[in-house]
Amino acid sequence: MAVSAVAMLASSACGSGHSVGAIAVAGPSGDPVAGGTGRIVEMAEPRSLDPALISNSWANSPLLGNALYGTLMINNIESGAIEYRMAENFFSTDGGKTFTLVLRDGLRFSDGSPLTAHSVKTAWEHVKDPATASPDIPQARLIDSSDVVDERTLRVNLVTPVPNFANAILQTSLNWIASPETLAADQAHKDSNPVGAGPYTLEHWSRQDVISLTRNANYYDAPRPYLDRLEIRAISDAEQRYNTVLSGGADFALEGIWQNLDKATNTGLQSSVAPLGGGTSLVLNSTKAPFDDPRARKVLATALNLDTLNTAVYEGTGKIPAHLFDESSPFYKDISLSRPDHDEAQRLLDELASEGEPLEFTLSLYPTGKSLGEAVQTQMSVFDNVKVNVRTIDLAQVGRILGKKDYDVISSTVVFSDPEPRLWFGFHSTSSGNYSGIKDTQLDEALDRGRVAGNETERTAAYEAVQKRLVELNPVIFYSRAAPGVIAGTEVGGIVQYGMGSVLPETLWIQK
């Protein structure tokens, strides 16, 4: 929910840039240069340095998590291939019911203590513990149990077979391993002296100001990191964030606003957007009237013109998700999500009204979503027999609102590089993350097939069925791709994104 909440704020304030996988975007040429300080801007300050509470997605503080705790594995966003980092291997021999994690030999935390299979077991159990209140607990709960085989080997037993469980690790805080002593300490200790195995260590955290990091001499992947220090600051205001990079006040910024990415491209800055599937959507609550009626859901699917919505909300810079998967995905199919049909929408509205149920609903939005609410109201005003209300909700109440499904329509996100595990969490009838509440046997069966499929042919067929069923059911209306992006000065090299737009700090360097 934390990921959705921040992403909703970002999208409602929101160029498509050059997309990257686990490779660097165009920057300075030549070999990496060692030394210097990287001045980083992120969108919001973390509430804690506990790795389980730092969401590993572009809208939160993924660079910080990667810097302090390192990465077990990453993926190439464009190909989907798993690339190992602190892990040497992660494999299953029984179709995804059990996995074996093998760590690199000689891994050490920044304090010199060994990073072992026991360390990983402790870290994953910490994420899974309800008392931790990690946003990644749904993925951690896929783990039934784990057993330490030896210092470098951990055997993981899953609740149900998930052949692509590696994605649940690298897209979440399960990818970050803090020392057991850090995880056992109180919150003040975690925030002042966290011990991980990442490329950097904490020097000082001045809240509401700067997080200062210094190079970890014990980092396993020498000569990385290239930079001596990182200074990370949070700037929530989109225009100020962009201007800070443009003016040279920062070298690099994590970005989630389409307008900023567009401006960066047009002013000669580097910009990059990870090509994720899904996106930001209007979620239609199918558990109660009016959207328990599939005709009411189809009204919105056929009435809204997403190009017009893009102009009103994003000044035309947003990327409209015409299909569930990005065209770079191996699961892409030419199955259109958007299909405006004014006449069909009006026919359905008239039909509902003739039965004594004229369509009226309330759109629940955050204060920054004013333009979205007005745009939807304007588009629907040209139809008869429909009334659209807008209510402003407090970000602090998102957990209660989503948990109780206290909405008719709400803005949220379902985004993914690989469809597993987030597509299942977003739409399966048994998932707590299924905010539309849609319950459909065919959709559930297709999602389950995609989850346990043993090869890409079976997965592709399953997710094609998922796409077709979502178009039929209309539980959500995707109106914008998410913008998991970065902007940087031309002197910054080694920009690498993985997973949900997470950025690797150890590969960054600055041309002097």
Protein backbone atom coordinates (compact mmCIF):
# COMPACT_ATOMS: atom_id res chain seq x y z
CA MET A 1 0.00 0.00 0.00
CA ALA A 2 2.91 2.33 0.67
CA VAL A 3 4.12 1.84 -2.88
CA SER A 4 0.67 2.58 -4.26
CA ALA A 5 0.25 5.66 -2.10
CA VAL A 6 3.49 7.31 -3.16
CA ALA A 7 2.95 6.33 -6.77
CA MET A 8 -0.53 7.88 -6.66
CA LEU A 9 0.93 11.14 -5.46
CA ALA A 10 3.58 11.03 -8.14
CA SER A 11 1.18 10.25 -10.96
CA SER A 12 -1.32 12.86 -9.97
CA ALA A 13 1.41 15.51 -10.03
CA CYS A 14 2.95 14.07 -13.22
CA GLY A 15 8.16 12.48 -22.03
CA SER A 16 8.83 9.21 -22.07
CA GLY A 17 12.60 8.85 -21.79
CA HIS A 18 15.07 6.29 -22.97
CA SER A 19 14.39 3.03 -21.15
CA VAL A 20 17.08 0.79 -19.73
CA GLY A 21 17.49 -2.61 -18.20
CA ALA A 22 20.59 -3.65 -16.30
CA ILE A 23 22.78 -1.50 -18.57
CA ALA A 24 23.83 2.12 -18.39
CA VAL A 25 21.98 4.89 -20.24
CA ALA A 26 23.95 7.20 -22.50
CA GLY A 27 26.29 9.35 -20.46
CA PRO A 28 29.95 10.32 -20.57
CA SER A 29 32.17 8.05 -22.65
CA GLY A 30 35.23 6.20 -21.49
CA ASP A 31 36.07 4.14 -18.44
CA PRO A 32 34.46 4.92 -15.08
CA VAL A 33 36.22 7.59 -13.05
CA ALA A 34 36.88 6.90 -9.38
CA GLY A 35 36.34 9.47 -6.64
CA GLY A 36 34.04 12.37 -5.94
CA THR A 37 30.68 12.89 -4.26
CA GLY A 38 27.36 12.03 -5.84
CA ARG A 39 24.60 14.48 -4.94
CA ILE A 40 21.35 12.57 -5.17
CA VAL A 41 17.78 13.84 -4.98
CA GLU A 42 14.89 11.52 -4.13
CA MET A 43 11.17 12.20 -3.95
CA ALA A 44 10.61 11.58 -0.24
CA GLU A 45 12.67 10.96 2.87
CA PRO A 46 12.48 7.41 4.29
CA ARG A 47 10.69 6.98 7.59
CA SER A 48 13.30 4.48 8.75
CA LEU A 49 16.57 2.86 7.66
CA ASP A 50 15.20 -0.57 8.57
CA PRO A 51 15.55 -2.31 5.17
CA ALA A 52 12.13 -3.94 5.54
CA LEU A 53 10.54 -0.48 5.66
CA ILE A 54 12.29 0.95 2.58
CA SER A 55 10.26 0.05 -0.49
CA ASN A 56 12.41 -1.14 -3.38
CA SER A 57 10.68 0.91 -6.07
CA TRP A 58 11.39 4.17 -7.86
CA ALA A 59 8.85 6.18 -5.83
CA ASN A 60 10.51 5.51 -2.50
CA SER A 61 14.21 5.20 -1.52
CA PRO A 62 15.55 2.23 -3.49
CA LEU A 63 18.97 3.78 -4.17
CA LEU A 64 19.45 4.22 -0.43
CA GLY A 65 18.47 0.61 0.28
CA ASN A 66 20.82 -0.65 -2.43
CA ALA A 67 23.60 1.58 -1.08
CA LEU A 68 23.39 0.40 2.53
CA TYR A 69 22.46 -3.25 2.09
CA GLY A 70 23.61 -4.32 -1.38
CA THR A 71 21.62 -6.61 -3.68
CA LEU A 72 21.30 -10.37 -3.80
CA MET A 73 20.27 -10.28 -7.44
CA ILE A 74 18.93 -7.96 -10.12
CA ASN A 75 17.17 -8.42 -13.42
CA ASN A 76 17.66 -7.00 -16.85
CA ILE A 77 14.41 -5.07 -17.23
CA GLU A 78 14.24 -5.52 -20.99
CA SER A 79 15.10 -9.23 -21.20
CA GLY A 80 13.93 -10.38 -17.77
CA ALA A 81 17.17 -12.31 -17.22
CA ILE A 82 18.29 -12.71 -13.61
CA GLU A 83 21.79 -11.40 -12.85
CA TYR A 84 23.39 -12.44 -9.57
CA ARG A 85 25.19 -10.05 -7.25
CA MET A 86 25.76 -11.12 -3.62
CA ALA A 87 23.95 -14.34 -4.49
CA GLU A 88 25.89 -16.78 -6.63
CA ASN A 89 22.86 -18.84 -7.59
CA PHE A 90 19.15 -19.23 -6.84
CA PHE A 91 17.47 -22.28 -8.30
CA SER A 92 14.65 -24.80 -7.99
CA THR A 93 14.60 -28.43 -9.06
CA ASP A 94 10.94 -29.12 -8.29
CA GLY A 95 9.00 -26.57 -10.30
CA GLY A 96 9.29 -23.70 -7.80
CA LYS A 97 8.11 -25.31 -4.56
CA THR A 98 11.57 -25.17 -3.00
CA PHE A 99 14.57 -23.00 -3.87
CA THR A 100 18.23 -23.11 -2.98
CA LEU A 101 20.06 -19.81 -2.45
CA VAL A 102 23.84 -19.95 -2.72
CA LEU A 103 25.79 -16.90 -1.55
CA ARG A 104 29.13 -15.71 -2.88
CA ASP A 105 32.08 -16.90 -0.89
CA GLY A 106 33.60 -14.45 1.58
CA LEU A 107 30.76 -11.92 1.86
CA ARG A 108 31.12 -9.57 4.81
CA PHE A 109 29.07 -6.84 6.36
CA SER A 110 30.54 -3.36 6.59
CA ASP A 111 31.67 -4.04 10.18
CA GLY A 112 33.70 -7.04 9.01
CA SER A 113 31.33 -9.73 10.30
CA PRO A 114 30.39 -12.53 7.87
CA LEU A 115 27.20 -12.40 5.82
CA THR A 116 25.88 -15.96 5.89
CA ALA A 117 22.81 -17.98 4.99
CA HIS A 118 21.67 -17.43 8.57
CA SER A 119 21.82 -13.66 7.93
CA VAL A 120 19.51 -14.04 4.94
CA LYS A 121 17.10 -16.27 6.87
CA THR A 122 16.94 -13.69 9.69
CA ALA A 123 16.38 -10.80 7.25
CA TRP A 124 13.57 -12.58 5.39
CA GLU A 125 11.85 -13.59 8.61
CA HIS A 126 12.06 -9.94 9.71
CA VAL A 127 10.19 -8.84 6.56
CA LYS A 128 7.60 -11.60 7.08
CA ASP A 129 6.96 -10.69 10.74
CA PRO A 130 3.65 -8.75 10.99
CA ALA A 131 5.14 -6.68 13.81
CA THR A 132 7.65 -5.22 11.35
CA ALA A 133 4.79 -3.81 9.23
CA SER A 134 6.78 -4.11 6.03
CA PRO A 135 5.00 -3.19 2.78
CA ASP A 136 6.59 -6.31 1.32
CA ILE A 137 4.95 -8.79 3.68
CA PRO A 138 2.75 -10.26 0.88
CA GLN A 139 5.87 -11.39 -1.00
CA ALA A 140 7.59 -12.58 2.20
CA ARG A 141 4.53 -14.66 3.07
CA LEU A 142 5.13 -16.74 -0.03
CA ILE A 143 7.88 -18.33 2.09
CA ASP A 144 6.61 -21.15 4.29
CA SER A 145 9.95 -21.93 5.94
CA SER A 146 13.69 -21.83 5.32
CA ASP A 147 16.58 -23.99 6.48
CA VAL A 148 20.27 -23.15 6.72
CA VAL A 149 22.22 -25.88 4.93
CA ASP A 150 25.67 -24.37 5.50
CA GLU A 151 27.29 -20.94 5.78
CA ARG A 152 26.58 -20.10 2.13
CA THR A 153 23.43 -22.12 1.41
CA LEU A 154 19.79 -21.53 2.36
CA ARG A 155 16.96 -23.86 1.34
CA VAL A 156 13.61 -22.05 0.98
CA ASN A 157 10.23 -23.79 1.08
CA LEU A 158 7.34 -21.88 -0.47
CA VAL A 159 3.67 -22.11 0.45
CA THR A 160 2.82 -22.86 -3.17
CA PRO A 161 5.03 -23.33 -6.25
CA VAL A 162 6.23 -20.00 -7.67
CA PRO A 163 8.83 -20.77 -10.35
CA ASN A 164 9.66 -17.08 -10.77
CA PHE A 165 10.09 -16.33 -7.07
CA ALA A 166 13.37 -14.53 -7.82
CA ASN A 167 11.26 -11.57 -8.97
CA ALA A 168 9.56 -11.38 -5.57
CA ILE A 169 13.02 -10.98 -4.06
CA LEU A 170 14.61 -8.46 -6.38
CA GLN A 171 11.51 -6.24 -6.58
CA THR A 172 11.25 -5.92 -2.79
CA SER A 173 13.24 -5.40 0.40
CA LEU A 174 13.91 -9.15 0.45
CA ASN A 175 16.84 -8.19 -1.79
CA TRP A 176 18.51 -6.29 1.09
CA ILE A 177 20.29 -8.04 3.93
CA ALA A 178 21.12 -6.19 7.16
CA SER A 179 23.17 -7.81 9.89
CA PRO A 180 21.14 -9.83 12.42
CA GLU A 181 22.42 -7.49 15.14
CA THR A 182 21.01 -4.48 13.30
CA LEU A 183 17.62 -6.12 12.86
CA ALA A 184 17.50 -7.07 16.55
CA ALA A 185 18.31 -3.51 17.67
CA ASP A 186 15.79 -0.80 18.47
CA GLN A 187 14.61 1.71 15.89
CA ALA A 188 17.00 4.46 17.00
CA HIS A 189 19.97 2.13 16.49
CA LYS A 190 18.74 1.02 13.06
CA ASP A 191 18.44 4.64 11.99
CA SER A 192 21.81 5.75 13.35
CA ASN A 193 24.08 2.76 12.83
CA PRO A 194 22.67 0.27 10.29
CA VAL A 195 25.09 -2.44 9.22
CA GLY A 196 24.70 -3.95 5.77
CA ALA A 197 26.93 -5.27 2.99
CA GLY A 198 26.21 -2.59 0.44
CA PRO A 199 28.68 -0.33 -1.37
CA TYR A 200 28.20 2.49 1.16
CA THR A 201 27.82 2.94 4.91
CA LEU A 202 25.90 5.57 6.83
CA GLU A 203 27.95 8.55 7.94
CA HIS A 204 25.10 10.71 9.22
CA TRP A 205 21.36 11.20 8.77
CA SER A 206 20.20 14.76 9.40
CA ARG A 207 16.45 14.40 9.16
CA GLN A 208 14.72 16.75 6.75
CA ASP A 209 18.15 17.59 5.35
CA VAL A 210 20.77 15.11 4.13
CA ILE A 211 21.68 11.43 4.39
CA SER A 212 25.47 11.23 4.08
CA LEU A 213 27.04 7.94 3.00
CA THR A 214 30.68 6.98 2.63
CA ARG A 215 32.39 4.24 0.63
CA ASN A 216 32.35 0.74 2.19
CA ALA A 217 35.95 -0.57 2.23
CA ASN A 218 34.63 -4.14 2.71
CA TYR A 219 32.36 -4.12 -0.37
CA TYR A 220 32.76 -7.38 -2.26
CA ASP A 221 32.75 -5.97 -5.80
CA ALA A 222 35.95 -3.89 -5.98
CA PRO A 223 36.79 -1.46 -7.55
CA ARG A 224 33.15 -0.49 -7.13
CA PRO A 225 31.70 1.72 -5.83
CA TYR A 226 33.32 4.42 -7.91
CA LEU A 227 32.14 7.43 -5.91
CA ASP A 228 33.69 8.16 -2.52
CA ARG A 229 30.54 9.59 -0.98
CA LEU A 230 26.82 10.05 -1.56
CA GLU A 231 24.68 12.91 -0.27
CA ILE A 232 20.97 12.12 -0.54
CA ARG A 233 18.31 14.79 -0.09
CA ALA A 234 14.53 14.62 -0.44
CA ILE A 235 12.67 17.21 -2.51
CA SER A 236 8.95 16.53 -2.78
CA ASP A 237 8.16 19.51 -5.02
CA ALA A 238 8.48 18.35 -8.64
CA GLU A 239 9.51 21.68 -10.13
CA GLN A 240 12.14 22.29 -7.45
CA ARG A 241 13.50 18.78 -7.92
CA TYR A 242 13.91 19.27 -11.67
CA ASN A 243 15.41 22.75 -11.30
CA THR A 244 17.93 21.48 -8.75
CA VAL A 245 19.36 19.03 -11.29
CA LEU A 246 19.11 21.50 -14.18
CA SER A 247 21.02 24.18 -12.26
CA GLY A 248 23.74 21.76 -11.17
CA GLY A 249 22.63 21.69 -7.54
CA ALA A 250 22.39 17.91 -7.77
CA ASP A 251 23.91 15.32 -10.08
CA PHE A 252 21.07 12.83 -10.20
CA ALA A 253 17.40 12.57 -9.21
CA LEU A 254 14.99 9.68 -8.78
CA GLU A 255 11.90 10.80 -10.68
CA GLY A 256 8.28 9.75 -11.05
CA ILE A 257 6.74 12.74 -12.81
CA TRP A 258 6.18 12.58 -16.56
CA GLN A 259 6.47 16.35 -16.97
CA ASN A 260 9.91 16.39 -15.36
CA LEU A 261 11.16 13.54 -17.53
CA ASP A 262 9.85 15.33 -20.60
CA LYS A 263 11.54 18.60 -19.62
CA ALA A 264 14.79 16.79 -18.90
CA THR A 265 14.81 15.30 -22.39
CA ASN A 266 14.09 18.67 -23.95
CA THR A 267 16.83 20.51 -22.03
CA GLY A 268 19.65 18.06 -22.70
CA LEU A 269 19.69 16.26 -19.36
CA GLN A 270 19.86 12.49 -19.25
CA SER A 271 16.50 10.85 -18.62
CA SER A 272 15.54 7.20 -18.28
CA VAL A 273 12.28 5.37 -17.65
CA ALA A 274 12.12 1.68 -16.80
CA PRO A 275 9.59 0.03 -19.17
CA LEU A 276 7.13 -1.48 -16.69
CA GLY A 277 3.77 -3.01 -17.49
CA GLY A 278 0.44 -1.99 -15.98
CA GLY A 279 0.38 1.51 -14.58
CA THR A 280 -1.73 3.98 -12.69
CA SER A 281 -5.43 3.24 -12.86
CA LEU A 282 -8.93 4.06 -11.76
CA VAL A 283 -9.91 1.11 -9.59
CA LEU A 284 -13.62 0.27 -9.79
CA ASN A 285 -14.91 -1.34 -6.60
CA SER A 286 -16.74 -4.41 -7.88
CA THR A 287 -17.81 -5.55 -4.40
CA LYS A 288 -20.74 -3.12 -4.19
CA ALA A 289 -23.04 -0.96 -6.29
CA PRO A 290 -22.73 0.56 -8.76
CA PHE A 291 -19.64 -1.27 -10.06
CA ASP A 292 -20.71 -4.74 -9.01
CA ASP A 293 -22.67 -4.47 -12.27
CA PRO A 294 -20.28 -5.20 -15.19
CA ARG A 295 -22.28 -2.79 -17.35
CA ALA A 296 -21.38 0.10 -15.06
CA ARG A 297 -17.70 -0.80 -15.30
CA LYS A 298 -17.94 -0.98 -19.07
CA VAL A 299 -19.46 2.51 -19.13
CA LEU A 300 -16.25 4.02 -17.80
CA ALA A 301 -14.11 1.83 -20.02
CA THR A 302 -15.90 3.06 -23.13
CA ALA A 303 -16.72 6.64 -22.06
CA LEU A 304 -13.26 7.91 -21.07
CA ASN A 305 -10.90 9.20 -23.73
CA LEU A 306 -7.42 8.62 -22.33
CA ASP A 307 -5.73 11.02 -24.75
CA THR A 308 -7.93 13.82 -23.45
CA LEU A 309 -7.25 12.69 -19.89
CA ASN A 310 -3.51 12.72 -20.58
CA THR A 311 -3.69 16.28 -21.86
CA ALA A 312 -5.65 17.48 -18.85
CA VAL A 313 -3.60 15.69 -16.19
CA TYR A 314 -0.09 15.37 -17.63
CA GLU A 315 0.01 18.16 -20.22
CA GLY A 316 0.23 15.43 -22.85
CA THR A 317 3.56 14.07 -21.58
CA GLY A 318 2.26 10.86 -20.01
CA LYS A 319 2.50 7.48 -21.65
CA ILE A 320 -0.90 5.87 -22.09
CA PRO A 321 -0.95 2.09 -21.48
CA ALA A 322 -2.64 0.89 -24.65
CA HIS A 323 -1.78 -2.69 -23.64
CA LEU A 324 -1.24 -4.39 -20.29
CA PHE A 325 2.39 -5.20 -21.07
CA ASP A 326 5.00 -2.83 -22.46
CA GLU A 327 5.95 -3.66 -26.04
CA SER A 328 9.42 -4.68 -24.86
CA SER A 329 7.92 -7.48 -22.74
CA PRO A 330 7.94 -11.09 -23.98
CA PHE A 331 4.30 -11.26 -22.78
CA TYR A 332 3.13 -8.38 -24.95
CA LYS A 333 0.04 -9.08 -27.04
CA ASP A 334 -1.90 -6.68 -29.23
CA ILE A 335 -4.92 -6.73 -26.91
CA SER A 336 -6.12 -3.16 -26.48
CA LEU A 337 -7.06 -1.90 -23.03
CA SER A 338 -8.58 1.37 -24.23
CA ARG A 339 -11.53 1.32 -26.61
CA PRO A 340 -13.62 4.53 -26.42
CA ASP A 341 -17.15 4.11 -27.79
CA HIS A 342 -19.45 7.03 -26.97
CA ASP A 343 -22.57 5.38 -28.36
CA GLU A 344 -22.02 2.14 -26.42
CA ALA A 345 -21.39 4.06 -23.20
CA GLN A 346 -24.62 6.02 -23.61
CA ARG A 347 -26.58 2.89 -24.48
CA LEU A 348 -25.45 1.22 -21.27
CA LEU A 349 -26.21 4.34 -19.23
CA ASP A 350 -29.72 4.48 -20.67
CA GLU A 351 -30.20 0.78 -19.95
CA LEU A 352 -29.17 1.19 -16.32
CA ALA A 353 -31.43 4.24 -15.95
CA SER A 354 -34.41 2.38 -17.43
CA GLU A 355 -33.99 -0.20 -14.66
CA GLY A 356 -34.08 2.51 -12.01
CA GLU A 357 -30.31 2.55 -11.46
CA PRO A 358 -28.88 5.67 -13.13
CA LEU A 359 -25.12 5.64 -12.69
CA GLU A 360 -23.77 7.77 -9.84
CA PHE A 361 -20.39 7.28 -8.23
CA THR A 362 -17.75 9.04 -6.17
CA LEU A 363 -14.14 9.33 -7.27
CA SER A 364 -11.77 9.28 -4.25
CA LEU A 365 -8.57 11.24 -4.85
CA TYR A 366 -5.71 12.83 -2.96
CA PRO A 367 -5.36 16.63 -2.90
CA THR A 368 -2.86 16.48 -5.77
CA GLY A 369 -5.43 14.64 -7.91
CA LYS A 370 -7.66 17.65 -8.49
CA SER A 371 -6.94 17.81 -12.22
CA LEU A 372 -7.76 14.10 -12.62
CA GLY A 373 -11.10 14.50 -10.87
CA GLU A 374 -12.03 17.53 -12.93
CA ALA A 375 -11.02 15.80 -16.16
CA VAL A 376 -13.18 12.74 -15.42
CA GLN A 377 -16.14 14.93 -14.45
CA THR A 378 -15.77 16.97 -17.64
CA GLN A 379 -15.68 13.92 -19.87
CA MET A 380 -18.66 12.28 -18.20
CA SER A 381 -20.71 15.49 -18.30
CA VAL A 382 -21.43 15.00 -22.01
CA PHE A 383 -23.43 11.85 -21.21
CA ASP A 384 -26.98 11.54 -19.89
CA ASN A 385 -27.97 9.53 -16.80
CA VAL A 386 -24.64 9.77 -14.97
CA LYS A 387 -23.35 11.83 -12.05
CA VAL A 388 -19.73 11.94 -10.88
CA ASN A 389 -18.80 13.16 -7.40
CA VAL A 390 -15.26 13.79 -6.18
CA ARG A 391 -14.03 13.50 -2.61
CA THR A 392 -10.59 14.41 -1.32
CA ILE A 393 -8.96 11.83 0.92
CA ASP A 394 -5.97 12.04 3.26
CA LEU A 395 -2.88 10.06 2.32
CA ALA A 396 -2.56 9.00 5.96
CA GLN A 397 -5.91 7.21 5.66
CA VAL A 398 -5.00 5.13 2.61
CA GLY A 399 -4.54 1.90 4.58
CA ARG A 400 -7.98 2.10 6.17
CA ILE A 401 -9.69 3.20 2.95
CA LEU A 402 -8.16 0.45 0.82
CA GLY A 403 -8.54 -2.20 3.52
CA LYS A 404 -12.25 -1.52 3.99
CA LYS A 405 -12.83 -0.80 0.27
CA ASP A 406 -14.41 2.49 1.32
CA TYR A 407 -14.66 3.88 -2.22
CA ASP A 408 -16.50 3.57 -5.51
CA VAL A 409 -13.50 4.53 -7.60
CA ILE A 410 -9.97 5.25 -6.38
CA SER A 411 -6.63 5.86 -8.08
CA SER A 412 -4.03 3.18 -7.48
CA THR A 413 -1.26 1.32 -9.28
CA VAL A 414 -0.48 -2.16 -10.52
CA VAL A 415 2.99 -2.07 -12.02
CA PHE A 416 5.45 -4.84 -12.81
CA SER A 417 8.54 -5.71 -14.80
CA ASP A 418 7.84 -9.44 -14.75
CA PRO A 419 4.15 -10.22 -14.16
CA GLU A 420 4.95 -12.43 -11.18
CA PRO A 421 4.23 -11.75 -8.38
CA ARG A 422 2.56 -8.33 -8.68
CA LEU A 423 -0.07 -9.15 -11.32
CA TRP A 424 -1.35 -12.03 -9.18
CA PHE A 425 -1.44 -9.79 -6.10
CA GLY A 426 -3.29 -7.09 -8.03
CA PHE A 427 -6.13 -9.19 -9.46
CA HIS A 428 -6.48 -12.63 -7.88
CA SER A 429 -9.72 -12.97 -5.89
CA THR A 430 -7.88 -14.24 -2.80
CA SER A 431 -5.30 -11.43 -2.73
CA SER A 432 -5.47 -8.58 -0.22
CA GLY A 433 -3.96 -6.36 -2.90
CA ASN A 434 -6.94 -6.90 -5.23
CA TYR A 435 -8.41 -3.46 -4.54
CA SER A 436 -11.12 -3.80 -7.17
CA GLY A 437 -12.40 -6.89 -5.38
CA ILE A 438 -12.95 -8.61 -8.72
CA LYS A 439 -13.83 -12.29 -8.37
CA ASP A 440 -13.70 -14.28 -11.58
CA THR A 441 -12.94 -17.96 -11.93
CA GLN A 442 -11.40 -17.64 -15.39
CA LEU A 443 -9.15 -14.78 -14.31
CA ASP A 444 -8.05 -16.65 -11.18
CA GLU A 445 -7.27 -19.78 -13.18
CA ALA A 446 -5.20 -17.82 -15.71
CA LEU A 447 -3.26 -16.02 -12.96
CA ASP A 448 -2.62 -19.32 -11.19
CA ARG A 449 -1.42 -20.93 -14.44
CA GLY A 450 0.93 -18.02 -15.05
CA ARG A 451 2.31 -18.30 -11.53
CA VAL A 452 3.16 -22.03 -11.68
CA ALA A 453 3.96 -22.38 -15.40
CA GLY A 454 7.19 -24.25 -15.98
CA ASN A 455 8.18 -22.64 -19.27
CA GLU A 456 7.76 -19.38 -21.19
CA THR A 457 5.28 -20.86 -23.69
CA GLU A 458 2.89 -21.80 -20.88
CA ARG A 459 3.42 -18.46 -19.13
CA THR A 460 2.77 -16.51 -22.34
CA ALA A 461 -0.48 -18.39 -22.96
CA ALA A 462 -1.62 -17.84 -19.37
CA TYR A 463 -0.94 -14.10 -19.41
CA GLU A 464 -2.61 -13.73 -22.78
CA ALA A 465 -5.73 -15.17 -21.12
CA VAL A 466 -5.27 -12.72 -18.23
CA GLN A 467 -5.15 -9.79 -20.64
CA LYS A 468 -8.29 -10.89 -22.45
CA ARG A 469 -10.19 -11.39 -19.21
CA LEU A 470 -9.21 -8.00 -17.80
CA VAL A 471 -10.52 -6.36 -20.97
CA GLU A 472 -13.81 -8.22 -20.54
CA LEU A 473 -14.20 -7.49 -16.82
CA ASN A 474 -12.88 -3.89 -16.59
CA PRO A 475 -11.94 -4.03 -12.89
CA VAL A 476 -9.57 -1.11 -13.46
CA ILE A 477 -8.98 1.50 -16.13
CA PHE A 478 -5.29 2.07 -16.74
CA TYR A 479 -4.90 5.72 -17.70
CA SER A 480 -1.13 6.20 -17.46
CA ARG A 481 1.99 4.13 -17.36
CA ALA A 482 3.96 4.66 -14.17
CA ALA A 483 7.06 6.83 -14.60
CA PRO A 484 9.85 4.93 -12.80
CA GLY A 485 12.51 7.30 -14.00
CA VAL A 486 15.72 9.14 -13.33
CA ILE A 487 17.14 12.43 -14.55
CA ALA A 488 20.82 13.32 -14.42
CA GLY A 489 23.44 15.73 -15.61
CA THR A 490 25.45 14.82 -18.69
CA GLU A 491 28.56 14.13 -16.61
CA VAL A 492 26.96 11.22 -14.69
CA GLY A 493 27.86 7.74 -15.91
CA GLY A 494 26.88 4.21 -14.94
CA ILE A 495 23.12 4.71 -14.48
CA VAL A 496 21.55 1.27 -14.05
CA GLN A 497 17.95 0.42 -13.16
CA TYR A 498 16.50 -2.97 -12.25
CA GLY A 499 13.24 -4.38 -10.90
CA MET A 500 10.71 -1.64 -10.22
CA GLY A 501 12.98 1.16 -11.40
CA SER A 502 15.46 0.65 -8.55
CA VAL A 503 18.85 2.32 -9.15
CA LEU A 504 22.25 0.78 -8.39
CA PRO A 505 24.56 3.26 -6.61
CA GLU A 506 27.79 1.28 -6.99
CA THR A 507 27.90 1.74 -10.78
CA LEU A 508 27.50 5.54 -10.68
CA TRP A 509 30.47 7.73 -11.52
CA ILE A 510 31.01 11.35 -12.42
CA GLN A 511 33.25 12.66 -15.17
CA LYS A 512 35.58 15.30 -13.75
